[in-house]
Protein backbone atom coordinates (compact mmCIF):
# COMPACT_ATOMS: atom_id res chain seq x y z
CA MET A 1 -30.68 36.74 -64.64
CA SER A 2 -32.34 39.33 -66.80
CA SER A 3 -31.03 42.74 -65.76
CA PRO A 4 -29.63 44.63 -68.77
CA ASP A 5 -26.90 46.03 -66.53
CA ILE A 6 -25.37 42.59 -65.94
CA GLU A 7 -22.41 42.32 -68.30
CA GLY A 8 -21.28 38.81 -67.44
CA SER A 9 -21.62 36.01 -64.94
CA ALA A 10 -20.00 32.77 -63.90
CA ILE A 11 -20.71 29.88 -61.57
CA VAL A 12 -17.49 28.63 -60.03
CA SER A 13 -16.69 25.73 -57.72
CA MET A 14 -14.98 26.51 -54.43
CA ASP A 15 -11.86 24.94 -55.95
CA GLY A 16 -11.81 27.63 -58.63
CA LEU A 17 -13.10 25.50 -61.49
CA SER A 18 -15.64 26.95 -63.89
CA ILE A 19 -19.05 25.25 -63.84
CA ALA A 20 -20.77 27.65 -66.25
CA ALA A 21 -20.03 31.11 -67.60
CA ALA A 22 -21.46 33.83 -69.81
CA LEU A 23 -18.58 36.27 -70.23
CA HIS A 24 -17.32 38.61 -72.93
CA GLU A 25 -14.87 36.77 -75.17
CA GLU A 26 -11.93 38.95 -74.07
CA ILE A 27 -12.38 37.82 -70.45
CA GLU A 28 -10.56 34.62 -69.56
CA GLU A 29 -12.97 32.21 -67.89
CA ASP A 30 -10.20 30.36 -66.02
CA ARG A 31 -8.87 33.57 -64.47
CA VAL A 32 -12.34 34.70 -63.39
CA SER A 33 -12.93 31.28 -61.85
CA ALA A 34 -9.68 31.23 -59.89
CA MET A 35 -10.03 34.83 -58.69
CA SER A 36 -13.68 34.31 -57.66
CA ALA A 37 -12.87 31.30 -55.51
CA ALA A 38 -9.88 33.09 -53.95
CA MET A 39 -11.90 36.25 -53.20
CA LEU A 40 -14.74 34.33 -51.61
CA SER A 41 -12.31 32.29 -49.51
CA LEU A 42 -10.50 35.43 -48.34
CA GLY A 43 -13.77 37.22 -47.62
CA ASP A 44 -14.93 34.22 -45.60
CA ARG A 45 -11.74 34.30 -43.52
CA ILE A 46 -12.05 38.04 -42.92
CA ALA A 47 -15.71 37.76 -41.88
CA SER A 48 -14.85 34.92 -39.52
CA GLU A 49 -11.75 36.53 -38.00
CA LEU A 50 -13.56 39.82 -37.40
CA GLY A 51 -16.63 38.16 -35.90
CA ARG A 52 -19.01 39.16 -38.69
CA GLY A 53 -20.62 35.72 -39.01
CA GLU A 54 -21.16 33.69 -42.13
CA LEU A 55 -20.15 35.44 -45.36
CA ASN A 56 -23.03 36.22 -47.74
CA GLN A 57 -21.36 38.21 -50.48
CA VAL A 58 -18.28 40.09 -51.59
CA TYR A 59 -18.80 43.41 -53.35
CA ILE A 60 -16.21 45.25 -55.43
CA ARG A 61 -16.83 48.64 -57.03
CA GLY A 62 -14.45 49.90 -59.65
CA LYS A 63 -14.45 52.94 -61.90
CA HIS A 64 -16.26 51.03 -64.67
CA GLY A 65 -18.60 48.83 -62.69
CA TYR A 66 -19.22 46.21 -60.05
CA VAL A 67 -18.15 42.66 -59.36
CA VAL A 68 -20.36 40.85 -56.87
CA LEU A 69 -19.69 37.36 -55.56
CA MET A 70 -22.38 35.41 -53.74
CA SER A 71 -21.99 31.93 -52.31
CA ILE A 72 -24.21 29.14 -53.58
CA GLY A 73 -24.27 27.02 -50.45
CA ASN A 74 -20.90 25.47 -49.63
CA GLU A 75 -20.30 24.18 -53.14
CA ALA A 76 -19.96 27.15 -55.47
CA VAL A 77 -19.99 30.90 -55.99
CA LEU A 78 -21.95 33.10 -58.39
CA THR A 79 -19.86 35.93 -59.81
CA VAL A 80 -21.61 38.80 -61.59
CA MET A 81 -20.12 41.77 -63.42
CA ALA A 82 -22.42 44.78 -63.76
CA SER A 83 -22.18 48.23 -65.27
CA ILE A 84 -21.57 51.25 -63.05
CA ARG A 85 -25.05 52.58 -63.85
CA GLY A 86 -26.69 49.34 -62.66
CA LYS A 87 -29.16 49.39 -59.81
CA LEU A 88 -27.24 47.34 -57.27
CA GLY A 89 -30.32 46.49 -55.19
CA LEU A 90 -32.05 44.88 -58.16
CA ILE A 91 -28.89 43.03 -59.16
CA LEU A 92 -28.49 41.66 -55.62
CA LEU A 93 -32.13 40.58 -55.56
CA GLU A 94 -31.70 38.72 -58.86
CA MET A 95 -28.51 37.12 -57.61
CA ARG A 96 -30.19 35.91 -54.39
CA ARG A 97 -33.01 34.34 -56.39
CA ALA A 98 -30.56 32.71 -58.79
CA CYS A 99 -28.49 31.33 -55.89
CA GLN A 100 -31.60 29.83 -54.28
CA ASP A 101 -32.46 28.06 -57.55
CA LEU A 102 -28.85 26.95 -58.07
CA ARG A 103 -28.58 25.43 -54.55
CA ASP A 104 -31.20 22.88 -55.60
CA ILE A 105 -29.24 22.00 -58.76
CA ILE A 106 -25.64 21.95 -57.56
């Protein structure tokens, strides 16, 4: 992904194991991996229980930026951290394209 507003990303298995990551050195890869898998699992349960259909993404907005999780098929999740000034539509478009490419690899 090429957006300058993306500050870090990780590909995580549904078990919470890191497959690949490009994170700032102060961010613990193992923690991001475990939290990403847990968030996607919880989001999936919520979507199912509330009749919203299959989960596509989980979006978190904090004071300093975004965390977006997007499933890569049934095998993994793409987690992206972006700055607060990032154009979310462009980031989501890049993530969708990356997930399509990653489905063929994973």
